[in-house]
Protein backbone atom coordinates (compact mmCIF):
# COMPACT_ATOMS: atom_id res chain seq x y z
CA MET A 1 77.93 24.20 -133.67
CA ARG A 2 74.60 25.52 -132.39
CA ALA A 3 72.90 24.52 -129.17
CA PRO A 4 69.36 23.19 -129.57
CA LYS A 5 66.66 25.75 -128.92
CA ASP A 6 64.97 25.78 -125.55
CA PRO A 7 61.65 23.98 -126.18
CA GLN A 8 59.98 26.28 -123.63
CA PRO A 9 61.70 29.66 -124.06
CA THR A 10 58.89 31.43 -122.24
CA HIS A 11 58.99 29.18 -119.16
CA PRO A 12 57.38 31.40 -116.50
CA VAL A 13 59.17 32.45 -113.35
CA PRO A 14 56.96 31.51 -110.36
CA GLU A 15 55.55 34.35 -108.31
CA GLY A 16 57.88 35.46 -105.53
CA THR A 17 60.93 34.00 -107.28
CA SER A 18 63.94 36.18 -108.10
CA PRO A 19 64.83 35.94 -111.82
CA GLY A 20 68.54 35.97 -110.99
CA LEU A 21 68.15 32.75 -109.01
CA TYR A 22 65.82 30.69 -111.15
CA ASN A 23 65.40 29.06 -114.52
CA ARG A 24 63.89 25.77 -115.61
CA ASP A 25 67.15 23.84 -115.27
CA LEU A 26 67.63 25.03 -111.68
CA ALA A 27 64.00 24.33 -110.70
CA PRO A 28 63.12 21.24 -108.63
CA THR A 29 62.70 18.11 -110.73
CA THR A 30 59.09 17.07 -111.23
CA ARG A 31 58.04 13.50 -110.53
CA ALA A 32 57.44 12.97 -114.25
CA GLY A 33 61.08 13.81 -114.93
CA ARG A 34 62.55 11.35 -112.45
CA THR A 35 64.04 8.74 -114.76
CA TRP A 36 67.30 8.03 -112.91
CA ASN A 37 66.29 4.66 -111.48
CA ALA A 38 68.50 2.16 -109.66
CA TYR A 39 69.95 0.82 -112.92
CA SER A 40 70.83 4.34 -114.08
CA ILE A 41 72.70 5.04 -110.84
CA PHE A 42 74.40 1.65 -111.01
CA THR A 43 75.70 2.36 -114.51
CA LEU A 44 77.17 5.65 -113.28
CA TRP A 45 79.38 3.62 -110.99
CA ALA A 46 79.90 0.82 -113.52
CA ASN A 47 81.64 3.47 -115.61
CA ASP A 48 83.28 5.66 -113.01
CA VAL A 49 84.70 2.95 -110.76
CA HIS A 50 86.40 1.33 -113.76
CA SER A 51 88.03 4.53 -114.98
CA LEU A 52 91.63 4.23 -116.14
CA GLY A 53 92.77 6.56 -113.37
CA ASN A 54 91.30 4.25 -110.75
CA TYR A 55 93.10 1.28 -112.28
CA VAL A 56 96.40 3.16 -112.13
CA PHE A 57 95.77 3.88 -108.43
CA ALA A 58 94.69 0.34 -107.62
CA ILE A 59 97.54 -1.35 -109.49
CA GLY A 60 99.90 0.97 -107.65
CA LEU A 61 98.81 -0.66 -104.39
CA PHE A 62 100.11 -3.98 -105.70
CA ALA A 63 103.42 -2.31 -106.50
CA LEU A 64 103.57 -0.81 -102.99
CA GLY A 65 103.45 -4.25 -101.41
CA LEU A 66 99.79 -5.08 -100.85
CA GLY A 67 98.69 -8.54 -101.89
CA ALA A 68 95.39 -9.71 -103.33
CA TRP A 69 93.40 -10.03 -100.11
CA GLN A 70 94.78 -6.78 -98.67
CA ILE A 71 93.74 -4.90 -101.81
CA MET A 72 90.27 -6.44 -101.71
CA LEU A 73 89.92 -5.53 -98.03
CA ALA A 74 91.01 -1.93 -98.70
CA PHE A 75 88.39 -1.63 -101.45
CA LEU A 76 85.72 -3.14 -99.24
CA LEU A 77 86.43 -0.73 -96.38
CA GLY A 78 86.50 2.25 -98.75
CA ALA A 79 83.32 1.06 -100.48
CA VAL A 80 81.38 0.81 -97.21
CA LEU A 81 82.33 4.35 -96.22
CA LEU A 82 81.59 5.65 -99.72
CA PHE A 83 78.23 3.88 -99.69
CA VAL A 84 77.24 5.79 -96.55
CA LEU A 85 78.48 9.19 -97.80
CA LEU A 86 76.86 8.80 -101.22
CA ASN A 87 73.54 7.82 -99.70
CA LEU A 88 73.59 10.89 -97.46
CA SER A 89 74.42 13.11 -100.42
CA GLY A 90 72.06 11.25 -102.76
CA PHE A 91 69.08 11.43 -100.41
CA MET A 92 69.39 15.22 -100.41
CA GLY A 93 69.04 15.32 -104.17
CA GLU A 94 66.10 12.89 -104.23
CA ARG A 95 64.22 14.75 -101.49
CA VAL A 96 64.74 18.33 -102.66
CA GLY A 97 65.09 17.70 -106.41
CA VAL A 98 67.57 20.52 -107.08
CA PRO A 99 71.10 20.59 -108.54
CA PHE A 100 74.19 21.17 -106.42
CA PRO A 101 74.45 24.99 -106.82
CA VAL A 102 70.87 25.36 -105.56
CA MET A 103 71.38 22.79 -102.80
CA SER A 104 74.38 24.83 -101.59
CA ARG A 105 72.08 27.81 -101.00
CA ILE A 106 70.68 26.07 -97.93
CA ALA A 107 73.98 26.38 -96.04
CA PHE A 108 75.80 29.23 -97.83
CA GLY A 109 72.89 31.48 -98.81
CA VAL A 110 71.36 32.29 -102.19
CA ARG A 111 74.41 34.36 -103.17
CA GLY A 112 77.07 32.65 -101.11
CA ALA A 113 76.30 29.35 -102.84
CA LYS A 114 78.27 30.60 -105.83
CA ILE A 115 81.44 29.86 -103.85
CA PRO A 116 81.09 26.05 -103.67
CA SER A 117 79.57 25.97 -107.15
CA VAL A 118 82.53 27.81 -108.73
CA VAL A 119 85.13 25.77 -106.82
CA ARG A 120 83.54 22.46 -107.86
CA GLY A 121 82.94 23.64 -111.44
CA SER A 122 86.45 24.99 -111.91
CA VAL A 123 88.04 21.71 -110.87
CA ALA A 124 85.69 19.79 -113.15
CA ILE A 125 86.14 21.95 -116.23
CA ALA A 126 89.92 21.55 -116.12
CA TRP A 127 89.62 17.80 -115.71
CA PHE A 128 87.08 17.65 -118.53
CA GLY A 129 89.72 18.95 -120.89
CA ILE A 130 92.43 16.72 -119.45
CA GLN A 131 90.31 13.55 -119.64
CA THR A 132 89.31 14.40 -123.21
CA TYR A 133 93.00 14.68 -124.05
CA LEU A 134 93.78 11.32 -122.39
CA ALA A 135 91.00 9.67 -124.37
CA SER A 136 92.40 11.26 -127.54
CA VAL A 137 95.73 9.53 -126.87
CA VAL A 138 93.95 6.16 -126.99
CA LEU A 139 92.17 7.25 -130.17
CA ARG A 140 95.51 8.14 -131.76
CA VAL A 141 96.79 4.62 -131.05
CA LEU A 142 93.58 3.22 -132.50
CA ILE A 143 93.81 5.30 -135.68
CA ILE A 144 97.42 4.28 -136.27
CA ALA A 145 96.51 0.60 -135.72
CA ILE A 146 93.83 0.90 -138.43
CA LEU A 147 95.76 3.28 -140.71
CA PRO A 148 99.52 2.86 -140.18
CA ALA A 149 100.21 5.72 -142.60
CA ALA A 150 98.56 8.09 -140.09
CA ALA A 151 101.71 7.77 -137.97
CA ASP A 152 103.26 10.42 -140.23
CA TRP A 153 100.70 12.93 -138.86
CA ASP A 154 101.92 12.25 -135.33
CA THR A 155 105.44 13.61 -135.70
CA ASN A 156 104.92 17.40 -135.74
CA SER A 157 103.74 19.74 -133.00
CA PHE A 158 101.45 22.79 -132.94
CA LEU A 159 100.65 24.30 -129.53
CA GLY A 160 101.76 21.04 -127.95
CA LEU A 161 99.84 18.57 -130.15
CA SER A 162 100.59 16.81 -133.40
CA THR A 163 98.22 16.97 -136.36
CA LEU A 164 96.86 13.54 -135.45
CA GLY A 165 96.60 14.65 -131.83
CA TRP A 166 94.48 17.65 -132.84
CA ILE A 167 92.25 15.50 -135.02
CA SER A 168 91.72 12.97 -132.22
CA PHE A 169 91.04 15.63 -129.58
CA VAL A 170 88.54 17.54 -131.74
CA ILE A 171 86.66 14.35 -132.66
CA LEU A 172 86.16 13.40 -129.02
CA TRP A 173 85.41 17.00 -127.98
CA VAL A 174 82.66 17.29 -130.60
CA LEU A 175 81.24 13.87 -129.70
CA GLN A 176 80.92 14.79 -126.03
CA VAL A 177 79.33 18.14 -126.82
CA LEU A 178 76.76 16.47 -129.09
CA ILE A 179 75.80 14.17 -126.24
CA VAL A 180 75.66 16.68 -123.42
CA ILE A 181 73.79 19.53 -125.14
CA ARG A 182 70.82 17.18 -125.31
CA GLY A 183 70.53 17.26 -121.55
CA MET A 184 70.70 14.97 -118.55
CA GLU A 185 68.41 12.41 -120.12
CA MET A 186 70.89 11.82 -122.95
CA ILE A 187 73.71 11.54 -120.42
CA ARG A 188 71.65 8.93 -118.55
CA LYS A 189 71.13 6.95 -121.75
CA TYR A 190 74.82 7.10 -122.64
CA GLU A 191 75.85 5.88 -119.17
CA ALA A 192 73.33 3.04 -119.45
CA PHE A 193 74.78 2.13 -122.85
CA ALA A 194 78.42 2.30 -121.75
CA GLY A 195 78.16 0.48 -118.43
CA PRO A 196 77.65 -3.10 -119.68
CA ILE A 197 80.25 -2.62 -122.43
CA ILE A 198 82.87 -1.63 -119.88
CA LEU A 199 82.11 -4.49 -117.51
CA VAL A 200 82.20 -7.10 -120.26
CA THR A 201 85.39 -5.67 -121.84
CA LEU A 202 87.37 -5.55 -118.61
CA ALA A 203 86.19 -9.00 -117.58
CA ALA A 204 87.33 -10.27 -120.99
CA LEU A 205 90.74 -8.58 -120.59
CA ALA A 206 91.18 -10.22 -117.19
CA ALA A 207 90.19 -13.63 -118.60
CA TRP A 208 92.63 -13.22 -121.48
CA MET A 209 95.47 -12.29 -119.13
CA PHE A 210 94.63 -15.26 -116.90
CA PHE A 211 94.81 -17.52 -119.95
CA GLU A 212 98.14 -15.96 -121.06
CA ALA A 213 99.56 -16.63 -117.59
CA GLY A 214 98.70 -20.33 -117.88
CA PHE A 215 95.84 -20.00 -115.39
CA THR A 216 98.20 -18.93 -112.61
CA ILE A 217 98.25 -15.73 -110.55
CA SER A 218 100.86 -14.17 -108.28
CA TRP A 219 98.94 -13.12 -105.19
CA SER A 220 101.61 -10.65 -104.10
CA THR A 221 105.01 -9.30 -105.03
CA GLU A 222 108.32 -10.26 -103.44
CA ASN A 223 108.28 -7.08 -101.31
CA SER A 224 104.84 -7.70 -99.81
CA LEU A 225 104.07 -5.85 -96.57
CA THR A 226 103.38 -7.55 -93.25
CA GLY A 227 102.44 -6.64 -89.69
CA SER A 228 101.49 -3.13 -88.64
CA THR A 229 102.92 -1.57 -91.79
CA MET A 230 100.54 -3.67 -93.87
CA TRP A 231 97.50 -2.65 -91.82
CA VAL A 232 98.41 1.03 -91.94
CA ARG A 233 98.71 0.78 -95.73
CA ILE A 234 95.33 -0.97 -95.98
CA PHE A 235 93.53 1.75 -94.01
CA GLU A 236 95.38 4.50 -95.88
CA SER A 237 94.37 2.95 -99.19
CA ALA A 238 90.73 2.70 -98.09
CA ALA A 239 90.74 6.37 -97.07
CA LEU A 240 92.41 7.46 -100.31
CA TRP A 241 89.79 5.49 -102.24
CA VAL A 242 87.16 7.69 -100.60
CA VAL A 243 89.15 10.87 -101.28
CA ILE A 244 89.25 10.01 -104.99
CA TYR A 245 85.47 10.38 -105.00
CA GLY A 246 85.44 13.57 -102.94
CA THR A 247 84.43 15.71 -105.91
CA PHE A 248 81.62 13.43 -107.01
CA VAL A 249 80.24 12.94 -103.51
CA LEU A 250 79.84 16.72 -103.29
CA ASN A 251 77.55 17.11 -106.32
CA PHE A 252 75.92 13.67 -106.43
CA CYS A 253 72.57 15.44 -106.05
CA ASP A 254 72.95 16.63 -109.67
CA PHE A 255 72.02 13.07 -110.61
CA THR A 256 69.85 11.82 -107.75
CA ARG A 257 67.53 14.82 -108.16
CA GLY A 258 66.18 12.66 -110.98
CA ALA A 259 65.78 9.53 -108.82
CA PRO A 260 62.18 8.38 -108.22
CA SER A 261 62.80 7.24 -104.63
CA GLU A 262 65.40 6.80 -101.91
CA ARG A 263 65.16 3.06 -102.50
CA SER A 264 66.43 3.52 -106.06
CA VAL A 265 69.37 5.55 -104.72
CA VAL A 266 70.25 2.86 -102.18
CA ARG A 267 69.93 0.00 -104.67
CA GLY A 268 71.92 1.80 -107.35
CA ASN A 269 74.64 2.69 -104.86
CA PHE A 270 74.71 -0.81 -103.35
CA TYR A 271 75.26 -2.62 -106.62
CA GLY A 272 77.41 0.19 -108.00
CA ILE A 273 79.68 0.73 -104.99
CA PRO A 274 80.32 -2.30 -102.71
CA ILE A 275 79.46 -5.00 -105.27
CA ASN A 276 80.96 -3.24 -108.28
CA MET A 277 84.09 -2.21 -106.36
CA LEU A 278 84.75 -5.79 -105.29
CA PHE A 279 84.41 -6.80 -108.95
CA PHE A 280 86.83 -3.98 -109.79
CA GLY A 281 89.25 -5.29 -107.18
CA LEU A 282 89.02 -8.78 -108.65
CA ILE A 283 89.85 -7.43 -112.12
CA VAL A 284 92.86 -5.57 -110.67
CA VAL A 285 94.12 -8.69 -108.92
CA VAL A 286 93.75 -10.88 -112.01
CA LEU A 287 95.30 -8.37 -114.42
CA THR A 288 98.22 -7.49 -112.15
CA GLY A 289 98.79 -10.94 -110.71
CA SER A 290 98.71 -12.59 -114.13
CA GLN A 291 101.21 -10.16 -115.61
CA TYR A 292 103.49 -10.58 -112.60
CA ALA A 293 103.27 -14.37 -112.98
CA ILE A 294 104.24 -14.06 -116.65
CA ASP A 295 107.39 -11.95 -116.42
CA GLY A 296 107.69 -10.47 -112.93
CA THR A 297 106.66 -6.98 -114.02
CA ILE A 298 103.73 -4.84 -112.89
CA ILE A 299 101.52 -3.17 -115.48
CA GLU A 300 100.49 0.45 -114.96
CA SER A 301 96.99 0.37 -116.45
CA PRO A 302 94.69 -1.73 -118.67
CA THR A 303 95.91 0.25 -121.69
CA GLU A 304 99.16 -1.74 -121.53
CA VAL A 305 97.18 -4.95 -121.77
CA VAL A 306 95.20 -3.60 -124.73
CA GLN A 307 98.34 -2.51 -126.59
CA ASN A 308 99.74 -6.05 -126.32
CA ILE A 309 96.70 -7.77 -127.83
CA PRO A 310 98.07 -9.56 -130.91
CA ASN A 311 94.80 -9.53 -132.86
CA THR A 312 94.14 -6.18 -134.56
CA VAL A 313 90.36 -6.57 -134.51
CA LEU A 314 90.33 -7.32 -130.78
CA LEU A 315 92.75 -4.46 -130.14
CA VAL A 316 90.43 -2.07 -131.99
CA LEU A 317 87.39 -3.28 -130.05
CA ALA A 318 89.18 -2.99 -126.71
CA SER A 319 90.46 0.49 -127.57
CA LEU A 320 86.95 1.60 -128.53
CA ALA A 321 85.68 0.31 -125.20
CA LEU A 322 88.30 2.32 -123.31
CA ILE A 323 87.31 5.44 -125.26
CA ILE A 324 83.64 4.81 -124.50
CA LEU A 325 84.60 4.42 -120.83
CA THR A 326 86.60 7.64 -120.66
CA ILE A 327 83.78 9.62 -122.28
CA ALA A 328 81.27 8.14 -119.83
CA VAL A 329 83.44 9.09 -116.86
CA ASN A 330 84.05 12.56 -118.27
CA LEU A 331 80.38 13.31 -118.85
CA MET A 332 79.29 12.44 -115.33
CA ALA A 333 82.29 13.57 -113.29
CA ASN A 334 83.59 16.58 -115.20
CA PHE A 335 80.91 18.00 -117.50
CA VAL A 336 77.70 18.23 -115.48
CA ALA A 337 79.19 20.27 -112.60
CA PRO A 338 80.44 23.22 -114.71
CA ILE A 339 77.18 23.25 -116.68
CA TYR A 340 75.17 23.80 -113.52
CA MET A 341 77.81 26.25 -112.31
CA PHE A 342 77.31 28.51 -115.35
CA THR A 343 73.55 28.02 -115.30
CA ASN A 344 73.54 29.15 -111.67
CA LEU A 345 75.79 32.15 -112.38
CA PHE A 346 73.77 33.36 -115.37
CA PRO A 347 70.28 31.86 -115.10
CA ARG A 348 68.70 34.56 -117.27
CA HIS A 349 71.01 33.87 -120.20
CA LEU A 350 72.23 30.27 -119.98
CA ASN A 351 70.20 27.09 -119.97
CA PHE A 352 71.67 23.58 -119.85
CA PRO A 353 72.74 23.26 -123.54
CA ARG A 354 74.13 26.80 -123.74
CA ALA A 355 76.08 26.32 -120.51
CA ALA A 356 77.38 23.03 -121.93
CA LEU A 357 78.81 24.87 -124.93
CA VAL A 358 80.46 27.49 -122.72
CA SER A 359 82.00 24.77 -120.53
CA ALA A 360 83.23 22.81 -123.55
CA VAL A 361 84.80 25.86 -125.20
CA ILE A 362 86.69 26.77 -122.03
CA GLY A 363 87.83 23.16 -121.67
CA PHE A 364 89.19 23.42 -125.20
CA ILE A 365 90.92 26.81 -125.15
CA ILE A 366 92.85 26.10 -121.94
CA LEU A 367 94.89 23.59 -124.01
CA PRO A 368 94.47 20.87 -121.36
CA TRP A 369 97.35 18.70 -122.59
CA ASN A 370 99.72 21.46 -121.48
CA LEU A 371 98.03 21.55 -118.07
CA TYR A 372 98.37 17.79 -117.76
CA ASN A 373 102.09 17.99 -118.56
CA SER A 374 102.65 20.68 -115.91
CA PRO A 375 103.21 19.27 -112.40
CA VAL A 376 102.76 22.77 -110.96
CA VAL A 377 99.24 23.07 -112.38
CA ILE A 378 98.19 19.56 -111.40
CA VAL A 379 99.58 19.64 -107.88
CA TYR A 380 99.10 23.25 -106.81
CA PHE A 381 96.14 24.57 -108.79
CA LEU A 382 93.93 21.51 -109.28
CA GLY A 383 95.18 19.84 -106.12
CA GLY A 384 94.55 23.01 -104.12
CA LEU A 385 91.05 23.48 -105.46
CA GLY A 386 90.33 19.81 -104.84
CA ALA A 387 91.37 20.20 -101.20
CA LEU A 388 88.77 22.96 -100.80
CA LEU A 389 85.96 20.57 -101.69
CA GLY A 390 86.24 18.73 -98.36
CA PRO A 391 85.36 21.76 -96.18
CA LEU A 392 82.47 22.63 -98.50
CA PHE A 393 81.10 19.10 -98.17
CA GLY A 394 81.46 19.20 -94.39
CA VAL A 395 79.49 22.45 -94.04
CA ILE A 396 76.70 21.37 -96.40
CA MET A 397 76.24 17.93 -94.82
CA ALA A 398 76.32 19.28 -91.28
CA ASP A 399 73.80 22.00 -92.13
CA TYR A 400 71.31 19.74 -93.91
CA TRP A 401 71.43 16.63 -91.71
CA LEU A 402 72.40 17.89 -88.25
CA VAL A 403 71.21 21.50 -88.09
CA ARG A 404 68.04 21.39 -90.21
CA LYS A 405 67.29 17.67 -89.75
CA GLY A 406 66.52 17.44 -93.46
CA ARG A 407 63.89 20.23 -93.48
CA VAL A 408 64.13 22.59 -96.46
CA ASN A 409 61.99 25.54 -97.51
CA VAL A 410 62.21 24.94 -101.26
CA PRO A 411 60.47 28.14 -102.49
CA ASP A 412 62.91 30.27 -100.45
CA LEU A 413 65.83 28.72 -102.33
CA TYR A 414 64.82 30.94 -105.25
CA THR A 415 64.27 34.30 -103.57
CA ASP A 416 66.70 36.97 -102.39
CA GLU A 417 64.05 38.96 -100.53
CA ALA A 418 65.05 39.97 -97.01
CA GLY A 419 62.49 37.63 -95.49
CA GLY A 420 63.76 34.57 -97.32
CA GLU A 421 65.09 31.81 -95.11
CA TYR A 422 68.30 31.57 -97.14
CA ALA A 423 68.80 35.30 -97.75
CA TYR A 424 70.96 35.60 -94.61
CA THR A 425 73.14 38.74 -94.86
CA ARG A 426 73.00 40.05 -98.43
CA GLY A 427 72.51 36.47 -99.55
CA VAL A 428 75.54 35.04 -97.73
CA ASN A 429 75.57 32.87 -94.61
CA ARG A 430 78.64 34.28 -92.91
CA ARG A 431 78.64 31.45 -90.37
CA ALA A 432 79.20 28.91 -93.15
CA VAL A 433 82.05 31.01 -94.55
CA VAL A 434 83.63 31.43 -91.10
CA ALA A 435 83.42 27.68 -90.49
CA GLY A 436 84.79 26.78 -93.91
CA LEU A 437 87.76 29.18 -94.01
CA PRO A 438 89.98 27.69 -91.27
CA ALA A 439 89.19 24.17 -92.48
CA ALA A 440 90.10 25.24 -96.03
CA VAL A 441 93.41 26.68 -94.84
CA VAL A 442 94.24 23.48 -92.99
CA ALA A 443 93.27 21.35 -96.00
CA LEU A 444 95.38 23.48 -98.35
CA VAL A 445 98.42 23.31 -96.07
CA ILE A 446 98.14 19.54 -95.79
CA ALA A 447 97.61 19.14 -99.53
CA LEU A 448 100.37 21.47 -100.75
CA VAL A 449 103.12 21.78 -98.12
CA PRO A 450 105.81 19.10 -98.67
CA ALA A 451 106.25 18.56 -94.93
CA PHE A 452 102.76 17.02 -94.84
CA SER A 453 103.24 14.80 -97.90
CA GLY A 454 102.66 11.70 -95.78
CA ILE A 455 99.06 12.70 -95.09
CA SER A 456 98.38 14.93 -98.12
CA GLY A 457 95.99 12.37 -99.55
CA PHE A 458 93.75 12.85 -96.51
CA SER A 459 93.33 16.63 -96.97
CA TRP A 460 89.73 16.23 -98.18
CA PHE A 461 88.80 14.09 -95.18
CA ILE A 462 90.45 16.37 -92.64
CA GLY A 463 88.94 19.50 -94.17
CA ALA A 464 85.44 18.00 -94.26
CA ILE A 465 85.48 16.82 -90.66
CA LEU A 466 87.00 20.03 -89.33
CA ALA A 467 84.54 22.27 -91.22
CA ALA A 468 81.56 20.22 -90.03
CA ILE A 469 82.66 20.41 -86.39
CA VAL A 470 83.33 24.16 -86.49
CA TYR A 471 80.04 24.84 -88.26
CA LEU A 472 78.07 22.81 -85.71
CA LEU A 473 79.78 24.60 -82.83
CA ILE A 474 78.93 28.00 -84.34
CA MET A 475 75.32 27.10 -85.11
CA ARG A 476 74.73 25.56 -81.69
CA SER A 477 76.23 28.52 -79.83
CA GLN A 478 74.54 31.31 -81.77
CA PRO A 479 70.97 31.70 -83.02
CA ARG A 480 70.52 32.32 -86.72
CA ASP A 481 68.70 35.65 -87.07
CA PHE A 482 66.77 36.83 -90.11
CA THR A 483 63.67 38.80 -90.89
CA SER A 484 60.58 36.92 -91.96
CA ARG A 485 58.29 37.96 -94.81
CA ASP A 486 55.89 39.66 -92.43
CA GLY A 487 58.69 41.76 -90.98
CA GLU A 488 59.01 39.96 -87.63
CA SER A 489 62.40 39.02 -86.32
CA ILE A 490 62.88 35.27 -85.97
CA ALA A 491 65.67 33.44 -84.16
CA VAL A 492 66.04 29.89 -85.34
CA ARG A 493 68.07 27.54 -83.20
CA PRO A 494 69.03 24.05 -84.39
CA THR A 495 66.95 21.24 -82.96
CA HIS A 496 68.82 19.17 -80.38
């Protein structure tokens, strides 16, 4: 498979820009290229909020003893907090127009920004492979439903997958690569296509379950929580709902750099987060409550509902919708981040489509189904890297909003000359590293040490808050010294 040729292979490097820090994909988005309007941002959330993993989490709340109104309240609280965080992160992208690795240069320096970029990209590339594998499992069920004889191809094993498993995985891998090598605009179009399909499909599944239950719903289980225990669980669930989106909040600017205005970011987030999440909660309540009313059991995900559809045609359509959903989630949450990571690491050699191929190949050769089946890898490697994202977010948000008050010298984001505002010390802002390290250690301990299992889900939150506080204390107590382009020493103190 060959990546499409760069339509402007001789794109000039602006004067004063370091070639190792710049290419067209890392450059600020022009106004003509800002096509991610409010609907585009809404469809991001229409897909991501309704991911199968989120349904597993949400249905689990029902099993833990929360009833319908408690679940809806937890989602509402989490949605309000997410709405605020995503607007803060999204405004940065709309104002500056650069992807996450370049945005990180503001706080970490033009070279130090590789740290948050690699951490975010590494987590994403592993999950890209895992999510592709999970979608391939649904495709295997679909193929067997259409061609029962194909079940014979699902009995052997080579490197952990059956013949049918390999066929399904490769089909979905190729499909995603074909979409993403055509750039962010194609991703935007796919998300816009998938969003309505997902909303209609899941609403139809909920309606069907409601009909099967005789138009009755169990609003809670027999072991429903009450009193202080209930309220603690509600607030914990709301916080965990935010933590689930910790990775995406970090690099949301990869998408909003294409937004035409802050208003489009706010509108897209409003309909995509609070409104869409309440709709999501309603679907969860209907699906789970209907099943519980039928036989007293709790489903684990919508896939169980799909597998029990008696009509083959409807089963095929529902399975296709779930595959479309998983691809949409994968493209936005797990493919874009590593592409920009590699583009940032090798800007002279990799553009967006070439970096997409590199990311996809790595996501393939790591045999992600084996990673998914290894608790050690999921909990310690991916969980550990995920915990590091909180401190990175805390430093970047504190630097942009509280230290710089939103002021950015965009040309200096692309120069490593000594006088550059973000050159710092050999391209690294040591204050950001010093602030992030203790917060990262705390987040890792909370995430990985069994003694802290009760609060492990809050590791992202704790790391982000701690890193932001430490960074602000450092920046307020010490001037930030660097040499300007005319050779004069400048001490910049944050504005109080």
